[in-house]
Amino acid sequence: MGLPQIILPRFDAATVLEAALRYRATATFFVPGMVTRLADAVASASLGRASTLRRIIYGGAPIAADDLNRATEILGPVLVQVYGRFEGGWPLAILSIADHQELAAGRSLHAGSCGRPIPQTELRIRPTPAHDPPWGELCVRNAMVVTDWADPDGWCGLGDLARLDDDGYLYLGGRLDGMINTGSYHVYPQEVQDAITALPYVQAALVRGEDDPIWGQAVTAYVVPAPRAPEEPGQVIREALKHRLAPYKIPKRVIAVARLEDVEP
């Protein structure tokens, strides 16, 4: 007899919680925004904990420290954060249940970390011209590395800006290529910028990922409207992009500015 399959058109925390209770689920994988919404659902239902769930593995995007600590307090000792890349292996680093408990109790020095490397995985930081140490490009060497991506010594550059602390904990600082990580999808800013600047009422555009409590990062566009642009260009731009881009690439926020130079780094 096969396991029951539950297909949800979109994430609804109350429905997921009800399914976990009904089928006595013991483990699942979420992106951070789903963790916070599940914690909200559990708190609203006054359940104390999410039924039989013993492991909630999550990753794929940043999560705010306050949201993480609150989720730990509500859901209990079940959270495990993982980090990995397809070309370098998955997972590469883990923030354990014990780490989460230490963070929630205020006893940890590793807030913002995505954990320590798994056994038989080496991590190192390769210096980059645009960043001062200890930041640089994260490189990995292990048996999972795709050989076509590795140098002759077996090291694979992952394109992630990162640092390692003295205890071996890994911290990420974004992508060196500017890729936006929305949790479920990867978006490259140049493609979105090109689609926006092709519109007749836009002079210039800057697209980047900005922190978002649900998605980790949200695709955000700063635009310089043309002289005869609509009064509210944001909504018009988003509507026009529906015919040019996949839905997940359309900016969640469009902000009109007089000059791109005025946008804070």
C-alpha atoms as a PDB file:
ATOM      1  CA  MET A   1       0.000   0.000   0.000  1.00  0.00           C
ATOM      2  CA  GLY A   2       1.525   3.317  -1.065  1.00  0.00           C
ATOM      3  CA  LEU A   3       1.743   6.426   1.042  1.00  0.00           C
ATOM      4  CA  PRO A   4      -1.070   8.956   0.533  1.00  0.00           C
ATOM      5  CA  GLN A   5      -0.233  11.863  -1.749  1.00  0.00           C
ATOM      6  CA  ILE A   6      -1.381  15.353  -0.899  1.00  0.00           C
ATOM      7  CA  ILE A   7      -1.197  17.843  -3.776  1.00  0.00           C
ATOM      8  CA  LEU A   8      -1.706  21.485  -2.805  1.00  0.00           C
ATOM      9  CA  PRO A   9      -2.040  24.196  -5.491  1.00  0.00           C
ATOM     10  CA  ARG A  10      -0.431  26.692  -3.110  1.00  0.00           C
ATOM     11  CA  PHE A  11       0.972  26.593   0.403  1.00  0.00           C
ATOM     12  CA  ASP A  12      -1.742  26.966   3.013  1.00  0.00           C
ATOM     13  CA  ALA A  13      -0.380  26.469   6.527  1.00  0.00           C
ATOM     14  CA  ALA A  14      -3.711  25.476   8.051  1.00  0.00           C
ATOM     15  CA  THR A  15      -4.235  22.803   5.384  1.00  0.00           C
ATOM     16  CA  VAL A  16      -0.685  21.483   5.837  1.00  0.00           C
ATOM     17  CA  LEU A  17      -1.173  21.343   9.591  1.00  0.00           C
ATOM     18  CA  GLU A  18      -4.447  19.477   9.195  1.00  0.00           C
ATOM     19  CA  ALA A  19      -2.765  16.993   6.812  1.00  0.00           C
ATOM     20  CA  ALA A  20       0.139  16.465   9.248  1.00  0.00           C
ATOM     21  CA  LEU A  21      -2.334  15.679  12.011  1.00  0.00           C
ATOM     22  CA  ARG A  22      -4.482  13.405   9.852  1.00  0.00           C
ATOM     23  CA  TYR A  23      -1.645  11.347   8.386  1.00  0.00           C
ATOM     24  CA  ARG A  24       0.646  11.554  11.418  1.00  0.00           C
ATOM     25  CA  ALA A  25       3.492  12.974   9.353  1.00  0.00           C
ATOM     26  CA  THR A  26       6.925  12.760  10.952  1.00  0.00           C
ATOM     27  CA  ALA A  27       9.107  14.806   8.570  1.00  0.00           C
ATOM     28  CA  THR A  28       8.831  17.405   5.820  1.00  0.00           C
ATOM     29  CA  PHE A  29      10.900  19.929   3.854  1.00  0.00           C
ATOM     30  CA  PHE A  30       9.992  23.626   3.683  1.00  0.00           C
ATOM     31  CA  VAL A  31      11.421  26.927   2.533  1.00  0.00           C
ATOM     32  CA  PRO A  32      11.711  29.464   5.398  1.00  0.00           C
ATOM     33  CA  GLY A  33       8.492  31.328   4.625  1.00  0.00           C
ATOM     34  CA  MET A  34       6.572  28.080   4.985  1.00  0.00           C
ATOM     35  CA  VAL A  35       8.177  27.450   8.396  1.00  0.00           C
ATOM     36  CA  THR A  36       7.026  30.805   9.748  1.00  0.00           C
ATOM     37  CA  ARG A  37       3.486  30.330   8.422  1.00  0.00           C
ATOM     38  CA  LEU A  38       3.286  26.837   9.917  1.00  0.00           C
ATOM     39  CA  ALA A  39       4.382  28.268  13.259  1.00  0.00           C
ATOM     40  CA  ASP A  40       1.617  30.864  12.989  1.00  0.00           C
ATOM     41  CA  ALA A  41      -0.938  28.122  12.242  1.00  0.00           C
ATOM     42  CA  VAL A  42       0.196  26.029  15.211  1.00  0.00           C
ATOM     43  CA  ALA A  43       0.062  29.056  17.513  1.00  0.00           C
ATOM     44  CA  SER A  44      -3.424  29.972  16.272  1.00  0.00           C
ATOM     45  CA  ALA A  45      -4.638  26.410  16.812  1.00  0.00           C
ATOM     46  CA  SER A  46      -3.166  26.365  20.336  1.00  0.00           C
ATOM     47  CA  LEU A  47      -1.690  22.916  19.704  1.00  0.00           C
ATOM     48  CA  GLY A  48       1.597  23.490  21.459  1.00  0.00           C
ATOM     49  CA  ARG A  49       3.412  21.550  18.723  1.00  0.00           C
ATOM     50  CA  ALA A  50       2.762  20.380  15.177  1.00  0.00           C
ATOM     51  CA  SER A  51       1.529  16.897  16.045  1.00  0.00           C
ATOM     52  CA  THR A  52       3.905  14.051  15.190  1.00  0.00           C
ATOM     53  CA  LEU A  53       6.432  16.099  13.187  1.00  0.00           C
ATOM     54  CA  ARG A  54       9.900  15.221  14.445  1.00  0.00           C
ATOM     55  CA  ARG A  55      11.881  16.915  11.682  1.00  0.00           C
ATOM     56  CA  ILE A  56      11.159  20.056   9.701  1.00  0.00           C
ATOM     57  CA  ILE A  57      14.045  20.457   7.293  1.00  0.00           C
ATOM     58  CA  TYR A  58      14.264  23.850   5.625  1.00  0.00           C
ATOM     59  CA  GLY A  59      16.542  25.892   3.398  1.00  0.00           C
ATOM     60  CA  GLY A  60      16.780  27.722   0.109  1.00  0.00           C
ATOM     61  CA  ALA A  61      16.504  31.304   1.388  1.00  0.00           C
ATOM     62  CA  PRO A  62      17.410  33.530   4.349  1.00  0.00           C
ATOM     63  CA  ILE A  63      15.231  33.663   7.471  1.00  0.00           C
ATOM     64  CA  ALA A  64      15.158  36.469  10.027  1.00  0.00           C
ATOM     65  CA  ALA A  65      16.581  35.591  13.454  1.00  0.00           C
ATOM     66  CA  ASP A  66      13.409  36.611  15.304  1.00  0.00           C
ATOM     67  CA  ASP A  67      11.248  34.491  12.982  1.00  0.00           C
ATOM     68  CA  LEU A  68      13.573  31.524  13.429  1.00  0.00           C
ATOM     69  CA  ASN A  69      13.601  31.747  17.217  1.00  0.00           C
ATOM     70  CA  ARG A  70       9.829  32.123  17.376  1.00  0.00           C
ATOM     71  CA  ALA A  71       9.351  29.084  15.116  1.00  0.00           C
ATOM     72  CA  THR A  72      11.703  27.066  17.343  1.00  0.00           C
ATOM     73  CA  GLU A  73       9.748  28.025  20.446  1.00  0.00           C
ATOM     74  CA  ILE A  74       6.372  27.178  18.870  1.00  0.00           C
ATOM     75  CA  LEU A  75       7.272  24.049  16.889  1.00  0.00           C
ATOM     76  CA  GLY A  76       9.685  22.580  19.415  1.00  0.00           C
ATOM     77  CA  PRO A  77      13.068  20.885  18.815  1.00  0.00           C
ATOM     78  CA  VAL A  78      12.374  19.804  15.227  1.00  0.00           C
ATOM     79  CA  LEU A  79      14.029  22.377  12.941  1.00  0.00           C
ATOM     80  CA  VAL A  80      17.071  21.498  10.818  1.00  0.00           C
ATOM     81  CA  GLN A  81      18.481  23.987   8.321  1.00  0.00           C
ATOM     82  CA  VAL A  82      20.377  22.660   5.289  1.00  0.00           C
ATOM     83  CA  TYR A  83      22.532  24.352   2.679  1.00  0.00           C
ATOM     84  CA  GLY A  84      23.731  22.888  -0.594  1.00  0.00           C
ATOM     85  CA  ARG A  85      24.273  23.446  -4.315  1.00  0.00           C
ATOM     86  CA  PHE A  86      23.561  21.024  -7.127  1.00  0.00           C
ATOM     87  CA  GLU A  87      27.093  21.288  -8.525  1.00  0.00           C
ATOM     88  CA  GLY A  88      28.724  20.849  -5.124  1.00  0.00           C
ATOM     89  CA  GLY A  89      26.405  18.475  -3.301  1.00  0.00           C
ATOM     90  CA  TRP A  90      23.364  18.558  -1.055  1.00  0.00           C
ATOM     91  CA  PRO A  91      23.518  19.057   1.791  1.00  0.00           C
ATOM     92  CA  LEU A  92      26.885  20.661   2.395  1.00  0.00           C
ATOM     93  CA  ALA A  93      26.196  22.250   5.768  1.00  0.00           C
ATOM     94  CA  ILE A  94      23.620  21.668   8.502  1.00  0.00           C
ATOM     95  CA  LEU A  95      22.347  23.800  11.361  1.00  0.00           C
ATOM     96  CA  SER A  96      21.230  21.123  13.790  1.00  0.00           C
ATOM     97  CA  ILE A  97      18.309  20.867  16.202  1.00  0.00           C
ATOM     98  CA  ALA A  98      20.727  21.554  19.054  1.00  0.00           C
ATOM     99  CA  ASP A  99      21.996  24.674  17.265  1.00  0.00           C
ATOM    100  CA  HIS A 100      18.424  25.963  16.953  1.00  0.00           C
ATOM    101  CA  GLN A 101      17.801  25.403  20.648  1.00  0.00           C
ATOM    102  CA  GLU A 102      20.965  27.288  21.562  1.00  0.00           C
ATOM    103  CA  LEU A 103      19.932  30.171  19.303  1.00  0.00           C
ATOM    104  CA  ALA A 104      16.414  30.350  20.747  1.00  0.00           C
ATOM    105  CA  ALA A 105      17.853  30.348  24.274  1.00  0.00           C
ATOM    106  CA  GLY A 106      20.247  33.180  23.435  1.00  0.00           C
ATOM    107  CA  ARG A 107      23.301  31.050  24.177  1.00  0.00           C
ATOM    108  CA  SER A 108      24.713  30.801  20.663  1.00  0.00           C
ATOM    109  CA  LEU A 109      27.308  32.996  18.959  1.00  0.00           C
ATOM    110  CA  HIS A 110      26.269  31.743  15.523  1.00  0.00           C
ATOM    111  CA  ALA A 111      23.100  33.708  14.704  1.00  0.00           C
ATOM    112  CA  GLY A 112      22.689  34.011  10.941  1.00  0.00           C
ATOM    113  CA  SER A 113      24.729  30.898  10.216  1.00  0.00           C
ATOM    114  CA  CYS A 114      23.524  28.029   8.037  1.00  0.00           C
ATOM    115  CA  GLY A 115      25.534  25.518  10.044  1.00  0.00           C
ATOM    116  CA  ARG A 116      28.709  23.493   9.828  1.00  0.00           C
ATOM    117  CA  PRO A 117      29.888  21.261   6.969  1.00  0.00           C
ATOM    118  CA  ILE A 118      28.803  17.634   6.969  1.00  0.00           C
ATOM    119  CA  PRO A 119      31.441  14.904   7.424  1.00  0.00           C
ATOM    120  CA  GLN A 120      33.854  14.308   4.542  1.00  0.00           C
ATOM    121  CA  THR A 121      33.116  17.765   3.116  1.00  0.00           C
ATOM    122  CA  GLU A 122      35.763  20.483   2.970  1.00  0.00           C
ATOM    123  CA  LEU A 123      34.811  24.140   2.682  1.00  0.00           C
ATOM    124  CA  ARG A 124      37.124  27.056   2.054  1.00  0.00           C
ATOM    125  CA  ILE A 125      36.825  30.716   1.074  1.00  0.00           C
ATOM    126  CA  ARG A 126      38.424  31.877  -2.170  1.00  0.00           C
ATOM    127  CA  PRO A 127      39.371  35.598  -2.130  1.00  0.00           C
ATOM    128  CA  THR A 128      37.459  37.844  -4.542  1.00  0.00           C
ATOM    129  CA  PRO A 129      38.604  41.310  -5.705  1.00  0.00           C
ATOM    130  CA  ALA A 130      35.405  43.101  -4.665  1.00  0.00           C
ATOM    131  CA  HIS A 131      35.183  41.769  -1.092  1.00  0.00           C
ATOM    132  CA  ASP A 132      37.410  42.053   1.954  1.00  0.00           C
ATOM    133  CA  PRO A 133      38.355  38.991   4.049  1.00  0.00           C
ATOM    134  CA  PRO A 134      36.908  36.978   5.660  1.00  0.00           C
ATOM    135  CA  TRP A 135      34.327  37.197   2.850  1.00  0.00           C
ATOM    136  CA  GLY A 136      34.911  35.531  -0.511  1.00  0.00           C
ATOM    137  CA  GLU A 137      33.598  32.829  -2.822  1.00  0.00           C
ATOM    138  CA  LEU A 138      32.621  29.577  -1.126  1.00  0.00           C
ATOM    139  CA  CYS A 139      34.379  26.503  -2.531  1.00  0.00           C
ATOM    140  CA  VAL A 140      33.752  22.862  -1.712  1.00  0.00           C
ATOM    141  CA  ARG A 141      35.604  19.592  -2.142  1.00  0.00           C
ATOM    142  CA  ASN A 142      33.935  16.227  -1.560  1.00  0.00           C
ATOM    143  CA  ALA A 143      32.736  13.121  -3.393  1.00  0.00           C
ATOM    144  CA  MET A 144      29.515  14.854  -4.486  1.00  0.00           C
ATOM    145  CA  VAL A 145      31.157  17.606  -6.555  1.00  0.00           C
ATOM    146  CA  VAL A 146      30.314  17.542 -10.261  1.00  0.00           C
ATOM    147  CA  THR A 147      33.705  16.934 -11.855  1.00  0.00           C
ATOM    148  CA  ASP A 148      33.015  19.275 -14.795  1.00  0.00           C
ATOM    149  CA  TRP A 149      32.706  22.142 -12.288  1.00  0.00           C
ATOM    150  CA  ALA A 150      35.846  21.300 -10.295  1.00  0.00           C
ATOM    151  CA  ASP A 151      39.435  22.472 -10.710  1.00  0.00           C
ATOM    152  CA  PRO A 152      42.289  19.933 -11.018  1.00  0.00           C
ATOM    153  CA  ASP A 153      42.528  19.733  -7.216  1.00  0.00           C
ATOM    154  CA  GLY A 154      38.851  18.861  -6.888  1.00  0.00           C
ATOM    155  CA  TRP A 155      37.653  22.239  -5.576  1.00  0.00           C
ATOM    156  CA  CYS A 156      34.337  23.556  -6.900  1.00  0.00           C
ATOM    157  CA  GLY A 157      33.505  27.263  -6.744  1.00  0.00           C
ATOM    158  CA  LEU A 158      29.832  27.689  -5.841  1.00  0.00           C
ATOM    159  CA  GLY A 159      29.331  31.366  -6.701  1.00  0.00           C
ATOM    160  CA  ASP A 160      28.063  32.160  -3.194  1.00  0.00           C
ATOM    161  CA  LEU A 161      29.595  34.979  -1.162  1.00  0.00           C
ATOM    162  CA  ALA A 162      30.386  33.471   2.225  1.00  0.00           C
ATOM    163  CA  ARG A 163      32.594  33.379   5.302  1.00  0.00           C
ATOM    164  CA  LEU A 164      33.555  30.753   7.869  1.00  0.00           C
ATOM    165  CA  ASP A 165      33.993  31.619  11.547  1.00  0.00           C
ATOM    166  CA  ASP A 166      36.559  30.162  13.936  1.00  0.00           C
ATOM    167  CA  ASP A 167      34.149  27.394  14.965  1.00  0.00           C
ATOM    168  CA  GLY A 168      33.622  26.293  11.359  1.00  0.00           C
ATOM    169  CA  TYR A 169      30.113  27.760  10.989  1.00  0.00           C
ATOM    170  CA  LEU A 170      29.163  28.970   7.520  1.00  0.00           C
ATOM    171  CA  TYR A 171      27.570  32.364   6.771  1.00  0.00           C
ATOM    172  CA  LEU A 172      26.199  33.369   3.378  1.00  0.00           C
ATOM    173  CA  GLY A 173      26.176  36.885   1.953  1.00  0.00           C
ATOM    174  CA  GLY A 174      24.315  36.489  -1.332  1.00  0.00           C
ATOM    175  CA  ARG A 175      25.285  35.490  -4.827  1.00  0.00           C
ATOM    176  CA  LEU A 176      28.340  36.855  -6.595  1.00  0.00           C
ATOM    177  CA  ASP A 177      26.391  36.856  -9.864  1.00  0.00           C
ATOM    178  CA  GLY A 178      23.459  38.737  -8.292  1.00  0.00           C
ATOM    179  CA  MET A 179      21.057  35.822  -8.633  1.00  0.00           C
ATOM    180  CA  ILE A 180      17.898  36.311  -6.566  1.00  0.00           C
ATOM    181  CA  ASN A 181      16.858  33.347  -4.446  1.00  0.00           C
ATOM    182  CA  THR A 182      13.108  33.444  -3.823  1.00  0.00           C
ATOM    183  CA  GLY A 183      13.095  30.174  -1.906  1.00  0.00           C
ATOM    184  CA  SER A 184      11.530  28.044  -4.627  1.00  0.00           C
ATOM    185  CA  TYR A 185      13.005  29.726  -7.721  1.00  0.00           C
ATOM    186  CA  HIS A 186      16.177  31.435  -8.902  1.00  0.00           C
ATOM    187  CA  VAL A 187      15.858  34.698 -10.806  1.00  0.00           C
ATOM    188  CA  TYR A 188      18.642  36.472 -12.697  1.00  0.00           C
ATOM    189  CA  PRO A 189      18.232  40.267 -12.499  1.00  0.00           C
ATOM    190  CA  GLN A 190      19.504  41.064 -15.992  1.00  0.00           C
ATOM    191  CA  GLU A 191      16.665  39.202 -17.675  1.00  0.00           C
ATOM    192  CA  VAL A 192      14.086  41.129 -15.656  1.00  0.00           C
ATOM    193  CA  GLN A 193      15.868  44.451 -16.207  1.00  0.00           C
ATOM    194  CA  ASP A 194      15.914  43.878 -19.964  1.00  0.00           C
ATOM    195  CA  ALA A 195      12.181  43.118 -19.973  1.00  0.00           C
ATOM    196  CA  ILE A 196      11.420  46.286 -17.999  1.00  0.00           C
ATOM    197  CA  THR A 197      13.620  48.642 -20.019  1.00  0.00           C
ATOM    198  CA  ALA A 198      12.032  47.333 -23.225  1.00  0.00           C
ATOM    199  CA  LEU A 199       8.783  49.001 -22.127  1.00  0.00           C
ATOM    200  CA  PRO A 200       8.240  52.417 -23.773  1.00  0.00           C
ATOM    201  CA  TYR A 201       7.502  54.250 -20.498  1.00  0.00           C
ATOM    202  CA  VAL A 202      10.712  53.206 -18.694  1.00  0.00           C
ATOM    203  CA  GLN A 203      14.048  54.986 -19.083  1.00  0.00           C
ATOM    204  CA  ALA A 204      16.165  52.769 -16.832  1.00  0.00           C
ATOM    205  CA  ALA A 205      15.797  49.981 -14.297  1.00  0.00           C
ATOM    206  CA  LEU A 206      17.689  48.231 -11.529  1.00  0.00           C
ATOM    207  CA  VAL A 207      16.526  44.803 -10.358  1.00  0.00           C
ATOM    208  CA  ARG A 208      17.808  43.056  -7.248  1.00  0.00           C
ATOM    209  CA  GLY A 209      16.729  40.764  -4.439  1.00  0.00           C
ATOM    210  CA  GLU A 210      15.688  42.346  -1.154  1.00  0.00           C
ATOM    211  CA  ASP A 211      14.863  40.712   2.155  1.00  0.00           C
ATOM    212  CA  ASP A 212      11.346  39.361   2.417  1.00  0.00           C
ATOM    213  CA  PRO A 213       9.834  37.636   5.487  1.00  0.00           C
ATOM    214  CA  ILE A 214       7.940  35.080   3.384  1.00  0.00           C
ATOM    215  CA  TRP A 215      10.103  34.460   0.327  1.00  0.00           C
ATOM    216  CA  GLY A 216      13.557  35.048   1.781  1.00  0.00           C
ATOM    217  CA  GLN A 217      14.243  37.421  -1.074  1.00  0.00           C
ATOM    218  CA  ALA A 218      11.744  39.317  -3.185  1.00  0.00           C
ATOM    219  CA  VAL A 219      12.402  40.423  -6.766  1.00  0.00           C
ATOM    220  CA  THR A 220      12.462  44.222  -6.449  1.00  0.00           C
ATOM    221  CA  ALA A 221      12.681  46.720  -9.327  1.00  0.00           C
ATOM    222  CA  TYR A 222      13.716  50.363  -9.141  1.00  0.00           C
ATOM    223  CA  VAL A 223      12.626  52.206 -12.293  1.00  0.00           C
ATOM    224  CA  VAL A 224      13.174  55.644 -13.780  1.00  0.00           C
ATOM    225  CA  PRO A 225       9.908  56.428 -15.582  1.00  0.00           C
ATOM    226  CA  ALA A 226       9.921  58.081 -19.005  1.00  0.00           C
ATOM    227  CA  PRO A 227       8.467  61.628 -19.199  1.00  0.00           C
ATOM    228  CA  ARG A 228       5.020  60.416 -20.281  1.00  0.00           C
ATOM    229  CA  ALA A 229       4.831  57.351 -18.072  1.00  0.00           C
ATOM    230  CA  PRO A 230       1.550  56.442 -16.334  1.00  0.00           C
ATOM    231  CA  GLU A 231       0.917  58.059 -12.931  1.00  0.00           C
ATOM    232  CA  GLU A 232       1.323  54.712 -11.150  1.00  0.00           C
ATOM    233  CA  PRO A 233       3.961  52.923 -13.267  1.00  0.00           C
ATOM    234  CA  GLY A 234       4.423  50.018 -10.869  1.00  0.00           C
ATOM    235  CA  GLN A 235       1.085  48.350 -11.523  1.00  0.00           C
ATOM    236  CA  VAL A 236       1.310  49.015 -15.275  1.00  0.00           C
ATOM    237  CA  ILE A 237       4.814  47.530 -15.418  1.00  0.00           C
ATOM    238  CA  ARG A 238       3.789  44.409 -13.504  1.00  0.00           C
ATOM    239  CA  GLU A 239       0.807  43.935 -15.804  1.00  0.00           C
ATOM    240  CA  ALA A 240       2.945  44.342 -18.937  1.00  0.00           C
ATOM    241  CA  LEU A 241       5.525  41.859 -17.663  1.00  0.00           C
ATOM    242  CA  LYS A 242       2.887  39.118 -17.485  1.00  0.00           C
ATOM    243  CA  HIS A 243       3.312  38.821 -21.260  1.00  0.00           C
ATOM    244  CA  ARG A 244       7.125  38.775 -21.113  1.00  0.00           C
ATOM    245  CA  LEU A 245       8.192  36.832 -18.009  1.00  0.00           C
ATOM    246  CA  ALA A 246       7.254  33.795 -15.981  1.00  0.00           C
ATOM    247  CA  PRO A 247       5.109  34.770 -12.963  1.00  0.00           C
ATOM    248  CA  TYR A 248       7.867  34.125 -10.398  1.00  0.00           C
ATOM    249  CA  LYS A 249      10.181  36.567 -12.212  1.00  0.00           C
ATOM    250  CA  ILE A 250       7.768  39.508 -12.067  1.00  0.00           C
ATOM    251  CA  PRO A 251       8.900  41.974  -9.378  1.00  0.00           C
ATOM    252  CA  LYS A 252       6.874  41.901  -6.193  1.00  0.00           C
ATOM    253  CA  ARG A 253       7.803  45.541  -5.648  1.00  0.00           C
ATOM    254  CA  VAL A 254       8.282  48.241  -8.284  1.00  0.00           C
ATOM    255  CA  ILE A 255       9.637  51.522  -6.936  1.00  0.00           C
ATOM    256  CA  ALA A 256       9.814  54.682  -9.046  1.00  0.00           C
ATOM    257  CA  VAL A 257      12.930  56.833  -8.561  1.00  0.00           C
ATOM    258  CA  ALA A 258      14.292  59.946 -10.236  1.00  0.00           C
ATOM    259  CA  ARG A 259      17.743  58.408 -10.744  1.00  0.00           C
ATOM    260  CA  LEU A 260      19.171  54.939 -10.199  1.00  0.00           C
ATOM    261  CA  GLU A 261      22.115  56.591  -8.434  1.00  0.00           C
ATOM    262  CA  ASP A 262      19.701  57.528  -5.644  1.00  0.00           C
ATOM    263  CA  VAL A 263      19.003  53.872  -4.786  1.00  0.00           C
ATOM    264  CA  GLU A 264      20.753  52.841  -1.585  1.00  0.00           C
ATOM    265  CA  PRO A 265      23.234  49.936  -2.004  1.00  0.00           C
END
